[in-house]
Amino acid sequence: MNVTFPKSEKLCSDIAIDTLYKTGKKFVAWPMRVTYLPITDAPTQVLIWAPKSLFKHAVDRNHMRRLMREAYRLNKHILCTENKYYHLAFNYIDKQTQDFHVIEKAMKKALQRLATLEE
């Protein structure tokens, strides 16, 4: 099982990000908001974001992004076993920092929900 998070799995294209936020669907898996857009032509790509409006110190934003990336990296197999591909955005929406166990539980919940979606 490949548990890496290479550049090819990161959503970096401005056009793709704009399309994701304009036409994608959303749901909340507390403490994250998940925005997703089904795609057919590429593997799943992910954007992870912690806003400056909630965390004024960069060290706090970086810490929350690091925890979300690690939770995704360890649990992406939930989504990869299905033959569904998405552009995903995980936005941290809680005003307080959470520990890894809370974020990992939310990530598993979000990925399982995406895996069971009907197109």
PDB file of N, CA and C in Angstrom:
ATOM      1  N   MET A   1       0.849  -1.176   0.000  1.00  0.00           N
ATOM      2  CA  MET A   1       0.000   0.000   0.000  1.00  0.00           C
ATOM      3  C   MET A   1       0.895   1.241   0.000  1.00  0.00           C
ATOM      4  N   ASN A   2       0.627   2.126  -0.932  1.00  0.00           N
ATOM      5  CA  ASN A   2       1.415   3.344  -1.080  1.00  0.00           C
ATOM      6  C   ASN A   2       0.837   4.435  -0.186  1.00  0.00           C
ATOM      7  N   VAL A   3       1.601   4.884   0.801  1.00  0.00           N
ATOM      8  CA  VAL A   3       1.118   5.912   1.718  1.00  0.00           C
ATOM      9  C   VAL A   3       1.914   7.202   1.580  1.00  0.00           C
ATOM     10  N   THR A   4       2.320   7.526   0.369  1.00  0.00           N
ATOM     11  CA  THR A   4       3.018   8.779   0.139  1.00  0.00           C
ATOM     12  C   THR A   4       2.010   9.836  -0.288  1.00  0.00           C
ATOM     13  N   PHE A   5       2.452  11.075  -0.357  1.00  0.00           N
ATOM     14  CA  PHE A   5       1.607  12.182  -0.807  1.00  0.00           C
ATOM     15  C   PHE A   5       2.423  13.007  -1.800  1.00  0.00           C
ATOM     16  N   PRO A   6       2.566  12.505  -3.041  1.00  0.00           N
ATOM     17  CA  PRO A   6       3.420  13.180  -4.012  1.00  0.00           C
ATOM     18  C   PRO A   6       2.779  14.437  -4.596  1.00  0.00           C
ATOM     19  N   LYS A   7       3.573  15.196  -5.314  1.00  0.00           N
ATOM     20  CA  LYS A   7       3.126  16.431  -5.938  1.00  0.00           C
ATOM     21  C   LYS A   7       1.940  16.195  -6.873  1.00  0.00           C
ATOM     22  N   SER A   8       1.895  15.052  -7.542  1.00  0.00           N
ATOM     23  CA  SER A   8       0.822  14.766  -8.493  1.00  0.00           C
ATOM     24  C   SER A   8      -0.541  14.645  -7.815  1.00  0.00           C
ATOM     25  N   GLU A   9      -0.578  14.443  -6.499  1.00  0.00           N
ATOM     26  CA  GLU A   9      -1.837  14.342  -5.765  1.00  0.00           C
ATOM     27  C   GLU A   9      -2.248  15.667  -5.123  1.00  0.00           C
ATOM     28  N   LYS A  10      -1.465  16.713  -5.333  1.00  0.00           N
ATOM     29  CA  LYS A  10      -1.780  18.015  -4.761  1.00  0.00           C
ATOM     30  C   LYS A  10      -2.466  18.871  -5.810  1.00  0.00           C
ATOM     31  N   LEU A  11      -3.534  19.526  -5.413  1.00  0.00           N
ATOM     32  CA  LEU A  11      -4.287  20.383  -6.314  1.00  0.00           C
ATOM     33  C   LEU A  11      -3.641  21.763  -6.312  1.00  0.00           C
ATOM     34  N   CYS A  12      -3.003  22.127  -7.427  1.00  0.00           N
ATOM     35  CA  CYS A  12      -2.249  23.373  -7.501  1.00  0.00           C
ATOM     36  C   CYS A  12      -2.770  24.332  -8.575  1.00  0.00           C
ATOM     37  N   SER A  13      -3.512  23.842  -9.521  1.00  0.00           N
ATOM     38  CA  SER A  13      -3.973  24.649 -10.645  1.00  0.00           C
ATOM     39  C   SER A  13      -5.024  25.665 -10.191  1.00  0.00           C
ATOM     40  N   ASP A  14      -4.784  26.938 -10.495  1.00  0.00           N
ATOM     41  CA  ASP A  14      -5.737  27.986 -10.138  1.00  0.00           C
ATOM     42  C   ASP A  14      -7.082  27.765 -10.815  1.00  0.00           C
ATOM     43  N   ILE A  15      -7.064  27.320 -12.055  1.00  0.00           N
ATOM     44  CA  ILE A  15      -8.306  27.077 -12.789  1.00  0.00           C
ATOM     45  C   ILE A  15      -9.093  25.941 -12.133  1.00  0.00           C
ATOM     46  N   ALA A  16      -8.401  24.872 -11.775  1.00  0.00           N
ATOM     47  CA  ALA A  16      -9.069  23.737 -11.132  1.00  0.00           C
ATOM     48  C   ALA A  16      -9.612  24.125  -9.758  1.00  0.00           C
ATOM     49  N   ILE A  17      -8.873  24.932  -9.018  1.00  0.00           N
ATOM     50  CA  ILE A  17      -9.329  25.369  -7.695  1.00  0.00           C
ATOM     51  C   ILE A  17     -10.563  26.259  -7.825  1.00  0.00           C
ATOM     52  N   ASP A  18     -10.552  27.196  -8.782  1.00  0.00           N
ATOM     53  CA  ASP A  18     -11.719  28.052  -9.007  1.00  0.00           C
ATOM     54  C   ASP A  18     -12.938  27.231  -9.393  1.00  0.00           C
ATOM     55  N   THR A  19     -12.746  26.274 -10.281  1.00  0.00           N
ATOM     56  CA  THR A  19     -13.843  25.407 -10.701  1.00  0.00           C
ATOM     57  C   THR A  19     -14.382  24.599  -9.528  1.00  0.00           C
ATOM     58  N   LEU A  20     -13.486  24.093  -8.703  1.00  0.00           N
ATOM     59  CA  LEU A  20     -13.879  23.317  -7.531  1.00  0.00           C
ATOM     60  C   LEU A  20     -14.769  24.139  -6.612  1.00  0.00           C
ATOM     61  N   TYR A  21     -14.370  25.367  -6.295  1.00  0.00           N
ATOM     62  CA  TYR A  21     -15.142  26.173  -5.355  1.00  0.00           C
ATOM     63  C   TYR A  21     -16.414  26.736  -5.978  1.00  0.00           C
ATOM     64  N   LYS A  22     -16.448  26.921  -7.296  1.00  0.00           N
ATOM     65  CA  LYS A  22     -17.655  27.453  -7.944  1.00  0.00           C
ATOM     66  C   LYS A  22     -18.711  26.375  -8.179  1.00  0.00           C
ATOM     67  N   THR A  23     -18.297  25.183  -8.587  1.00  0.00           N
ATOM     68  CA  THR A  23     -19.275  24.163  -8.976  1.00  0.00           C
ATOM     69  C   THR A  23     -19.272  22.933  -8.080  1.00  0.00           C
ATOM     70  N   GLY A  24     -18.347  22.850  -7.160  1.00  0.00           N
ATOM     71  CA  GLY A  24     -18.265  21.666  -6.304  1.00  0.00           C
ATOM     72  C   GLY A  24     -19.338  21.640  -5.230  1.00  0.00           C
ATOM     73  N   LYS A  25     -19.551  20.468  -4.677  1.00  0.00           N
ATOM     74  CA  LYS A  25     -20.510  20.282  -3.587  1.00  0.00           C
ATOM     75  C   LYS A  25     -19.741  20.241  -2.271  1.00  0.00           C
ATOM     76  N   LYS A  26     -20.455  20.563  -1.175  1.00  0.00           N
ATOM     77  CA  LYS A  26     -19.796  20.675   0.127  1.00  0.00           C
ATOM     78  C   LYS A  26     -20.538  19.869   1.182  1.00  0.00           C
ATOM     79  N   PHE A  27     -19.788  19.433   2.158  1.00  0.00           N
ATOM     80  CA  PHE A  27     -20.357  18.884   3.387  1.00  0.00           C
ATOM     81  C   PHE A  27     -19.345  19.112   4.500  1.00  0.00           C
ATOM     82  N   VAL A  28     -19.820  18.975   5.737  1.00  0.00           N
ATOM     83  CA  VAL A  28     -18.972  19.218   6.901  1.00  0.00           C
ATOM     84  C   VAL A  28     -18.719  17.909   7.627  1.00  0.00           C
ATOM     85  N   ALA A  29     -17.460  17.651   7.895  1.00  0.00           N
ATOM     86  CA  ALA A  29     -17.029  16.573   8.781  1.00  0.00           C
ATOM     87  C   ALA A  29     -16.197  17.285   9.850  1.00  0.00           C
ATOM     88  N   TRP A  30     -16.862  17.706  10.894  1.00  0.00           N
ATOM     89  CA  TRP A  30     -16.235  18.606  11.870  1.00  0.00           C
ATOM     90  C   TRP A  30     -14.903  18.073  12.345  1.00  0.00           C
ATOM     91  N   PRO A  31     -13.854  18.843  12.348  1.00  0.00           N
ATOM     92  CA  PRO A  31     -13.684  20.278  12.184  1.00  0.00           C
ATOM     93  C   PRO A  31     -13.236  20.698  10.778  1.00  0.00           C
ATOM     94  N   MET A  32     -13.697  19.987   9.756  1.00  0.00           N
ATOM     95  CA  MET A  32     -13.326  20.321   8.381  1.00  0.00           C
ATOM     96  C   MET A  32     -14.550  20.464   7.508  1.00  0.00           C
ATOM     97  N   ARG A  33     -14.458  21.367   6.538  1.00  0.00           N
ATOM     98  CA  ARG A  33     -15.448  21.442   5.474  1.00  0.00           C
ATOM     99  C   ARG A  33     -14.809  20.814   4.245  1.00  0.00           C
ATOM    100  N   VAL A  34     -15.501  19.894   3.629  1.00  0.00           N
ATOM    101  CA  VAL A  34     -14.986  19.193   2.462  1.00  0.00           C
ATOM    102  C   VAL A  34     -15.741  19.687   1.236  1.00  0.00           C
ATOM    103  N   THR A  35     -14.997  20.161   0.253  1.00  0.00           N
ATOM    104  CA  THR A  35     -15.568  20.543  -1.025  1.00  0.00           C
ATOM    105  C   THR A  35     -15.042  19.549  -2.040  1.00  0.00           C
ATOM    106  N   TYR A  36     -15.941  18.985  -2.850  1.00  0.00           N
ATOM    107  CA  TYR A  36     -15.519  17.955  -3.795  1.00  0.00           C
ATOM    108  C   TYR A  36     -16.164  18.167  -5.160  1.00  0.00           C
ATOM    109  N   LEU A  37     -15.465  17.714  -6.166  1.00  0.00           N
ATOM    110  CA  LEU A  37     -15.945  17.772  -7.539  1.00  0.00           C
ATOM    111  C   LEU A  37     -15.501  16.495  -8.226  1.00  0.00           C
ATOM    112  N   PRO A  38     -16.442  15.639  -8.648  1.00  0.00           N
ATOM    113  CA  PRO A  38     -16.050  14.411  -9.341  1.00  0.00           C
ATOM    114  C   PRO A  38     -15.378  14.724 -10.676  1.00  0.00           C
ATOM    115  N   ILE A  39     -14.308  14.009 -10.978  1.00  0.00           N
ATOM    116  CA  ILE A  39     -13.609  14.173 -12.253  1.00  0.00           C
ATOM    117  C   ILE A  39     -13.413  12.790 -12.860  1.00  0.00           C
ATOM    118  N   THR A  40     -13.076  12.755 -14.134  1.00  0.00           N
ATOM    119  CA  THR A  40     -12.911  11.468 -14.809  1.00  0.00           C
ATOM    120  C   THR A  40     -11.541  11.300 -15.434  1.00  0.00           C
ATOM    121  N   ASP A  41     -10.836  12.378 -15.682  1.00  0.00           N
ATOM    122  CA  ASP A  41      -9.642  12.298 -16.515  1.00  0.00           C
ATOM    123  C   ASP A  41      -8.321  12.260 -15.757  1.00  0.00           C
ATOM    124  N   ALA A  42      -8.325  12.344 -14.440  1.00  0.00           N
ATOM    125  CA  ALA A  42      -7.071  12.409 -13.682  1.00  0.00           C
ATOM    126  C   ALA A  42      -7.249  11.748 -12.325  1.00  0.00           C
ATOM    127  N   PRO A  43      -6.158  11.424 -11.657  1.00  0.00           N
ATOM    128  CA  PRO A  43      -6.292  10.878 -10.303  1.00  0.00           C
ATOM    129  C   PRO A  43      -6.781  11.950  -9.323  1.00  0.00           C
ATOM    130  N   THR A  44      -7.202  11.516  -8.170  1.00  0.00           N
ATOM    131  CA  THR A  44      -7.695  12.425  -7.140  1.00  0.00           C
ATOM    132  C   THR A  44      -6.592  13.400  -6.735  1.00  0.00           C
ATOM    133  N   GLN A  45      -6.984  14.688  -6.644  1.00  0.00           N
ATOM    134  CA  GLN A  45      -6.055  15.718  -6.198  1.00  0.00           C
ATOM    135  C   GLN A  45      -6.679  16.452  -5.018  1.00  0.00           C
ATOM    136  N   VAL A  46      -5.832  16.871  -4.085  1.00  0.00           N
ATOM    137  CA  VAL A  46      -6.304  17.407  -2.806  1.00  0.00           C
ATOM    138  C   VAL A  46      -5.688  18.764  -2.519  1.00  0.00           C
ATOM    139  N   LEU A  47      -6.509  19.661  -1.968  1.00  0.00           N
ATOM    140  CA  LEU A  47      -6.076  20.961  -1.476  1.00  0.00           C
ATOM    141  C   LEU A  47      -6.366  20.990   0.019  1.00  0.00           C
ATOM    142  N   ILE A  48      -5.400  21.368   0.823  1.00  0.00           N
ATOM    143  CA  ILE A  48      -5.566  21.427   2.275  1.00  0.00           C
ATOM    144  C   ILE A  48      -5.324  22.859   2.713  1.00  0.00           C
ATOM    145  N   TRP A  49      -6.270  23.390   3.517  1.00  0.00           N
ATOM    146  CA  TRP A  49      -6.254  24.817   3.786  1.00  0.00           C
ATOM    147  C   TRP A  49      -6.669  25.107   5.220  1.00  0.00           C
ATOM    148  N   ALA A  50      -5.916  25.977   5.882  1.00  0.00           N
ATOM    149  CA  ALA A  50      -6.271  26.502   7.204  1.00  0.00           C
ATOM    150  C   ALA A  50      -6.205  28.026   7.085  1.00  0.00           C
ATOM    151  N   PRO A  51      -7.305  28.725   7.311  1.00  0.00           N
ATOM    152  CA  PRO A  51      -7.372  30.156   7.011  1.00  0.00           C
ATOM    153  C   PRO A  51      -6.648  31.050   8.018  1.00  0.00           C
ATOM    154  N   LYS A  52      -6.147  32.133   7.476  1.00  0.00           N
ATOM    155  CA  LYS A  52      -5.463  33.118   8.300  1.00  0.00           C
ATOM    156  C   LYS A  52      -6.446  33.841   9.218  1.00  0.00           C
ATOM    157  N   SER A  53      -7.710  33.905   8.820  1.00  0.00           N
ATOM    158  CA  SER A  53      -8.699  34.579   9.658  1.00  0.00           C
ATOM    159  C   SER A  53      -8.936  33.831  10.971  1.00  0.00           C
ATOM    160  N   LEU A  54      -8.685  32.519  10.993  1.00  0.00           N
ATOM    161  CA  LEU A  54      -8.858  31.750  12.222  1.00  0.00           C
ATOM    162  C   LEU A  54      -7.564  31.622  13.017  1.00  0.00           C
ATOM    163  N   PHE A  55      -6.441  31.525  12.313  1.00  0.00           N
ATOM    164  CA  PHE A  55      -5.138  31.349  12.971  1.00  0.00           C
ATOM    165  C   PHE A  55      -4.197  32.455  12.516  1.00  0.00           C
ATOM    166  N   LYS A  56      -3.984  33.413  13.385  1.00  0.00           N
ATOM    167  CA  LYS A  56      -3.161  34.577  13.020  1.00  0.00           C
ATOM    168  C   LYS A  56      -1.680  34.237  12.901  1.00  0.00           C
ATOM    169  N   HIS A  57      -1.241  33.220  13.636  1.00  0.00           N
ATOM    170  CA  HIS A  57       0.172  32.848  13.594  1.00  0.00           C
ATOM    171  C   HIS A  57       0.392  31.751  12.556  1.00  0.00           C
ATOM    172  N   ALA A  58       1.381  31.951  11.719  1.00  0.00           N
ATOM    173  CA  ALA A  58       1.669  30.991  10.655  1.00  0.00           C
ATOM    174  C   ALA A  58       2.003  29.610  11.218  1.00  0.00           C
ATOM    175  N   VAL A  59       2.637  29.572  12.368  1.00  0.00           N
ATOM    176  CA  VAL A  59       3.002  28.284  12.956  1.00  0.00           C
ATOM    177  C   VAL A  59       1.753  27.456  13.267  1.00  0.00           C
ATOM    178  N   ASP A  60       0.660  28.104  13.671  1.00  0.00           N
ATOM    179  CA  ASP A  60      -0.588  27.394  13.952  1.00  0.00           C
ATOM    180  C   ASP A  60      -1.238  26.889  12.665  1.00  0.00           C
ATOM    181  N   ARG A  61      -1.246  27.727  11.629  1.00  0.00           N
ATOM    182  CA  ARG A  61      -1.794  27.301  10.332  1.00  0.00           C
ATOM    183  C   ARG A  61      -1.006  26.129   9.768  1.00  0.00           C
ATOM    184  N   ASN A  62       0.302  26.219   9.829  1.00  0.00           N
ATOM    185  CA  ASN A  62       1.149  25.147   9.316  1.00  0.00           C
ATOM    186  C   ASN A  62       0.928  23.849  10.086  1.00  0.00           C
ATOM    187  N   HIS A  63       0.760  23.970  11.383  1.00  0.00           N
ATOM    188  CA  HIS A  63       0.537  22.786  12.214  1.00  0.00           C
ATOM    189  C   HIS A  63      -0.767  22.093  11.834  1.00  0.00           C
ATOM    190  N   MET A  64      -1.834  22.859  11.653  1.00  0.00           N
ATOM    191  CA  MET A  64      -3.123  22.265  11.298  1.00  0.00           C
ATOM    192  C   MET A  64      -3.072  21.652   9.897  1.00  0.00           C
ATOM    193  N   ARG A  65      -2.418  22.306   8.962  1.00  0.00           N
ATOM    194  CA  ARG A  65      -2.272  21.733   7.613  1.00  0.00           C
ATOM    195  C   ARG A  65      -1.458  20.451   7.660  1.00  0.00           C
ATOM    196  N   ARG A  66      -0.423  20.429   8.468  1.00  0.00           N
ATOM    197  CA  ARG A  66       0.414  19.233   8.593  1.00  0.00           C
ATOM    198  C   ARG A  66      -0.389  18.062   9.150  1.00  0.00           C
ATOM    199  N   LEU A  67      -1.215  18.325  10.143  1.00  0.00           N
ATOM    200  CA  LEU A  67      -2.043  17.268  10.711  1.00  0.00           C
ATOM    201  C   LEU A  67      -3.063  16.750   9.693  1.00  0.00           C
ATOM    202  N   MET A  68      -3.680  17.650   8.933  1.00  0.00           N
ATOM    203  CA  MET A  68      -4.661  17.223   7.927  1.00  0.00           C
ATOM    204  C   MET A  68      -3.996  16.437   6.802  1.00  0.00           C
ATOM    205  N   ARG A  69      -2.814  16.877   6.374  1.00  0.00           N
ATOM    206  CA  ARG A  69      -2.077  16.144   5.327  1.00  0.00           C
ATOM    207  C   ARG A  69      -1.720  14.741   5.790  1.00  0.00           C
ATOM    208  N   GLU A  70      -1.272  14.630   7.014  1.00  0.00           N
ATOM    209  CA  GLU A  70      -0.893  13.326   7.547  1.00  0.00           C
ATOM    210  C   GLU A  70      -2.114  12.416   7.671  1.00  0.00           C
ATOM    211  N   ALA A  71      -3.231  12.958   8.130  1.00  0.00           N
ATOM    212  CA  ALA A  71      -4.450  12.164   8.238  1.00  0.00           C
ATOM    213  C   ALA A  71      -4.913  11.699   6.857  1.00  0.00           C
ATOM    214  N   TYR A  72      -4.826  12.561   5.850  1.00  0.00           N
ATOM    215  CA  TYR A  72      -5.201  12.159   4.488  1.00  0.00           C
ATOM    216  C   TYR A  72      -4.242  11.095   3.962  1.00  0.00           C
ATOM    217  N   ARG A  73      -2.954  11.310   4.149  1.00  0.00           N
ATOM    218  CA  ARG A  73      -1.941  10.387   3.640  1.00  0.00           C
ATOM    219  C   ARG A  73      -2.151   8.978   4.203  1.00  0.00           C
ATOM    220  N   LEU A  74      -2.459   8.885   5.476  1.00  0.00           N
ATOM    221  CA  LEU A  74      -2.618   7.581   6.110  1.00  0.00           C
ATOM    222  C   LEU A  74      -3.939   6.894   5.772  1.00  0.00           C
ATOM    223  N   ASN A  75      -4.942   7.660   5.352  1.00  0.00           N
ATOM    224  CA  ASN A  75      -6.274   7.099   5.146  1.00  0.00           C
ATOM    225  C   ASN A  75      -6.790   7.227   3.720  1.00  0.00           C
ATOM    226  N   LYS A  76      -5.969   7.650   2.787  1.00  0.00           N
ATOM    227  CA  LYS A  76      -6.446   7.830   1.418  1.00  0.00           C
ATOM    228  C   LYS A  76      -6.827   6.515   0.764  1.00  0.00           C
ATOM    229  N   HIS A  77      -6.378   5.394   1.298  1.00  0.00           N
ATOM    230  CA  HIS A  77      -6.729   4.091   0.744  1.00  0.00           C
ATOM    231  C   HIS A  77      -8.239   3.855   0.788  1.00  0.00           C
ATOM    232  N   ILE A  78      -8.952   4.520   1.695  1.00  0.00           N
ATOM    233  CA  ILE A  78     -10.408   4.394   1.782  1.00  0.00           C
ATOM    234  C   ILE A  78     -11.048   4.863   0.477  1.00  0.00           C
ATOM    235  N   LEU A  79     -10.527   5.934  -0.059  1.00  0.00           N
ATOM    236  CA  LEU A  79     -11.077   6.510  -1.292  1.00  0.00           C
ATOM    237  C   LEU A  79     -10.487   5.858  -2.526  1.00  0.00           C
ATOM    238  N   CYS A  80      -9.260   5.411  -2.455  1.00  0.00           N
ATOM    239  CA  CYS A  80      -8.580   4.858  -3.633  1.00  0.00           C
ATOM    240  C   CYS A  80      -9.062   3.465  -3.994  1.00  0.00           C
ATOM    241  N   THR A  81      -9.708   2.760  -3.075  1.00  0.00           N
ATOM    242  CA  THR A  81     -10.191   1.427  -3.417  1.00  0.00           C
ATOM    243  C   THR A  81     -11.384   1.508  -4.366  1.00  0.00           C
ATOM    244  N   GLU A  82     -12.126   2.592  -4.305  1.00  0.00           N
ATOM    245  CA  GLU A  82     -13.210   2.825  -5.256  1.00  0.00           C
ATOM    246  C   GLU A  82     -12.598   3.408  -6.526  1.00  0.00           C
ATOM    247  N   ASN A  83     -13.248   3.208  -7.650  1.00  0.00           N
ATOM    248  CA  ASN A  83     -12.751   3.794  -8.895  1.00  0.00           C
ATOM    249  C   ASN A  83     -13.429   5.129  -9.151  1.00  0.00           C
ATOM    250  N   LYS A  84     -13.315   6.016  -8.174  1.00  0.00           N
ATOM    251  CA  LYS A  84     -13.876   7.359  -8.258  1.00  0.00           C
ATOM    252  C   LYS A  84     -12.730   8.337  -8.067  1.00  0.00           C
ATOM    253  N   TYR A  85     -12.762   9.408  -8.847  1.00  0.00           N
ATOM    254  CA  TYR A  85     -11.708  10.406  -8.771  1.00  0.00           C
ATOM    255  C   TYR A  85     -12.335  11.767  -8.509  1.00  0.00           C
ATOM    256  N   TYR A  86     -11.674  12.544  -7.662  1.00  0.00           N
ATOM    257  CA  TYR A  86     -12.209  13.831  -7.245  1.00  0.00           C
ATOM    258  C   TYR A  86     -11.118  14.896  -7.219  1.00  0.00           C
ATOM    259  N   HIS A  87     -11.567  16.146  -7.282  1.00  0.00           N
ATOM    260  CA  HIS A  87     -10.792  17.269  -6.805  1.00  0.00           C
ATOM    261  C   HIS A  87     -11.378  17.559  -5.434  1.00  0.00           C
ATOM    262  N   LEU A  88     -10.535  17.590  -4.422  1.00  0.00           N
ATOM    263  CA  LEU A  88     -10.985  17.752  -3.044  1.00  0.00           C
ATOM    264  C   LEU A  88     -10.333  18.958  -2.393  1.00  0.00           C
ATOM    265  N   ALA A  89     -11.080  19.634  -1.532  1.00  0.00           N
ATOM    266  CA  ALA A  89     -10.527  20.689  -0.691  1.00  0.00           C
ATOM    267  C   ALA A  89     -10.963  20.408   0.739  1.00  0.00           C
ATOM    268  N   PHE A  90      -9.994  20.327   1.633  1.00  0.00           N
ATOM    269  CA  PHE A  90     -10.268  20.163   3.057  1.00  0.00           C
ATOM    270  C   PHE A  90      -9.955  21.488   3.726  1.00  0.00           C
ATOM    271  N   ASN A  91     -10.996  22.189   4.197  1.00  0.00           N
ATOM    272  CA  ASN A  91     -10.836  23.483   4.856  1.00  0.00           C
ATOM    273  C   ASN A  91     -11.058  23.299   6.351  1.00  0.00           C
ATOM    274  N   TYR A  92     -10.099  23.722   7.140  1.00  0.00           N
ATOM    275  CA  TYR A  92     -10.225  23.646   8.592  1.00  0.00           C
ATOM    276  C   TYR A  92     -11.121  24.789   9.041  1.00  0.00           C
ATOM    277  N   ILE A  93     -12.199  24.497   9.795  1.00  0.00           N
ATOM    278  CA  ILE A  93     -13.172  25.543  10.133  1.00  0.00           C
ATOM    279  C   ILE A  93     -13.342  25.774  11.628  1.00  0.00           C
ATOM    280  N   ASP A  94     -12.676  25.015  12.467  1.00  0.00           N
ATOM    281  CA  ASP A  94     -12.781  25.205  13.912  1.00  0.00           C
ATOM    282  C   ASP A  94     -11.857  26.333  14.345  1.00  0.00           C
ATOM    283  N   LYS A  95     -12.288  27.101  15.327  1.00  0.00           N
ATOM    284  CA  LYS A  95     -11.459  28.209  15.807  1.00  0.00           C
ATOM    285  C   LYS A  95     -10.360  27.748  16.754  1.00  0.00           C
ATOM    286  N   GLN A  96     -10.496  26.548  17.272  1.00  0.00           N
ATOM    287  CA  GLN A  96      -9.497  25.995  18.184  1.00  0.00           C
ATOM    288  C   GLN A  96      -8.685  24.928  17.457  1.00  0.00           C
ATOM    289  N   THR A  97      -7.441  24.782  17.853  1.00  0.00           N
ATOM    290  CA  THR A  97      -6.644  23.693  17.291  1.00  0.00           C
ATOM    291  C   THR A  97      -7.090  22.380  17.919  1.00  0.00           C
ATOM    292  N   GLN A  98      -7.056  21.326  17.127  1.00  0.00           N
ATOM    293  CA  GLN A  98      -7.450  20.002  17.591  1.00  0.00           C
ATOM    294  C   GLN A  98      -6.236  19.083  17.541  1.00  0.00           C
ATOM    295  N   ASP A  99      -6.299  17.998  18.266  1.00  0.00           N
ATOM    296  CA  ASP A  99      -5.200  17.046  18.207  1.00  0.00           C
ATOM    297  C   ASP A  99      -5.392  16.103  17.010  1.00  0.00           C
ATOM    298  N   PHE A 100      -4.396  15.298  16.748  1.00  0.00           N
ATOM    299  CA  PHE A 100      -4.379  14.459  15.554  1.00  0.00           C
ATOM    300  C   PHE A 100      -5.518  13.455  15.534  1.00  0.00           C
ATOM    301  N   HIS A 101      -5.899  12.915  16.676  1.00  0.00           N
ATOM    302  CA  HIS A 101      -6.935  11.885  16.717  1.00  0.00           C
ATOM    303  C   HIS A 101      -8.289  12.431  16.258  1.00  0.00           C
ATOM    304  N   VAL A 102      -8.607  13.660  16.623  1.00  0.00           N
ATOM    305  CA  VAL A 102      -9.865  14.288  16.201  1.00  0.00           C
ATOM    306  C   VAL A 102      -9.844  14.525  14.691  1.00  0.00           C
ATOM    307  N   ILE A 103      -8.739  15.012  14.181  1.00  0.00           N
ATOM    308  CA  ILE A 103      -8.634  15.298  12.751  1.00  0.00           C
ATOM    309  C   ILE A 103      -8.649  14.005  11.948  1.00  0.00           C
ATOM    310  N   GLU A 104      -7.965  12.972  12.434  1.00  0.00           N
ATOM    311  CA  GLU A 104      -7.955  11.700  11.708  1.00  0.00           C
ATOM    312  C   GLU A 104      -9.351  11.075  11.683  1.00  0.00           C
ATOM    313  N   LYS A 105     -10.075  11.177  12.773  1.00  0.00           N
ATOM    314  CA  LYS A 105     -11.439  10.644  12.821  1.00  0.00           C
ATOM    315  C   LYS A 105     -12.327  11.377  11.810  1.00  0.00           C
ATOM    316  N   ALA A 106     -12.209  12.695  11.745  1.00  0.00           N
ATOM    317  CA  ALA A 106     -12.982  13.485  10.785  1.00  0.00           C
ATOM    318  C   ALA A 106     -12.580  13.161   9.349  1.00  0.00           C
ATOM    319  N   MET A 107     -11.298  12.950   9.112  1.00  0.00           N
ATOM    320  CA  MET A 107     -10.819  12.618   7.771  1.00  0.00           C
ATOM    321  C   MET A 107     -11.366  11.266   7.332  1.00  0.00           C
ATOM    322  N   LYS A 108     -11.342  10.283   8.218  1.00  0.00           N
ATOM    323  CA  LYS A 108     -11.904   8.969   7.886  1.00  0.00           C
ATOM    324  C   LYS A 108     -13.385   9.083   7.564  1.00  0.00           C
ATOM    325  N   LYS A 109     -14.103   9.849   8.353  1.00  0.00           N
ATOM    326  CA  LYS A 109     -15.536  10.046   8.137  1.00  0.00           C
ATOM    327  C   LYS A 109     -15.783  10.688   6.774  1.00  0.00           C
ATOM    328  N   ALA A 110     -14.993  11.695   6.430  1.00  0.00           N
ATOM    329  CA  ALA A 110     -15.156  12.388   5.148  1.00  0.00           C
ATOM    330  C   ALA A 110     -14.827  11.472   3.972  1.00  0.00           C
ATOM    331  N   LEU A 111     -13.747  10.729   4.070  1.00  0.00           N
ATOM    332  CA  LEU A 111     -13.359   9.838   2.980  1.00  0.00           C
ATOM    333  C   LEU A 111     -14.354   8.699   2.803  1.00  0.00           C
ATOM    334  N   GLN A 112     -14.896   8.187   3.898  1.00  0.00           N
ATOM    335  CA  GLN A 112     -15.908   7.130   3.785  1.00  0.00           C
ATOM    336  C   GLN A 112     -17.189   7.677   3.154  1.00  0.00           C
ATOM    337  N   ARG A 113     -17.538   8.894   3.480  1.00  0.00           N
ATOM    338  CA  ARG A 113     -18.704   9.498   2.849  1.00  0.00           C
ATOM    339  C   ARG A 113     -18.492   9.700   1.355  1.00  0.00           C
ATOM    340  N   LEU A 114     -17.308  10.132   0.966  1.00  0.00           N
ATOM    341  CA  LEU A 114     -16.998  10.301  -0.458  1.00  0.00           C
ATOM    342  C   LEU A 114     -16.997   8.954  -1.179  1.00  0.00           C
ATOM    343  N   ALA A 115     -16.514   7.922  -0.510  1.00  0.00           N
ATOM    344  CA  ALA A 115     -16.449   6.603  -1.142  1.00  0.00           C
ATOM    345  C   ALA A 115     -17.829   6.010  -1.378  1.00  0.00           C
ATOM    346  N   THR A 116     -18.807   6.408  -0.571  1.00  0.00           N
ATOM    347  CA  THR A 116     -20.147   5.853  -0.711  1.00  0.00           C
ATOM    348  C   THR A 116     -21.089   6.738  -1.509  1.00  0.00           C
ATOM    349  N   LEU A 117     -20.606   7.865  -2.029  1.00  0.00           N
ATOM    350  CA  LEU A 117     -21.456   8.754  -2.821  1.00  0.00           C
ATOM    351  C   LEU A 117     -21.881   8.098  -4.124  1.00  0.00           C
ATOM    352  N   GLU A 118     -23.099   8.355  -4.520  1.00  0.00           N
ATOM    353  CA  GLU A 118     -23.587   7.908  -5.824  1.00  0.00           C
ATOM    354  C   GLU A 118     -23.523   9.085  -6.771  1.00  0.00           C
ATOM    355  N   GLU A 119     -23.032   8.846  -7.957  1.00  0.00           N
ATOM    356  CA  GLU A 119     -22.908   9.923  -8.955  1.00  0.00           C
ATOM    357  C   GLU A 119     -24.242  10.132  -9.639  1.00  0.00           C
TER     358      GLU A 119
END
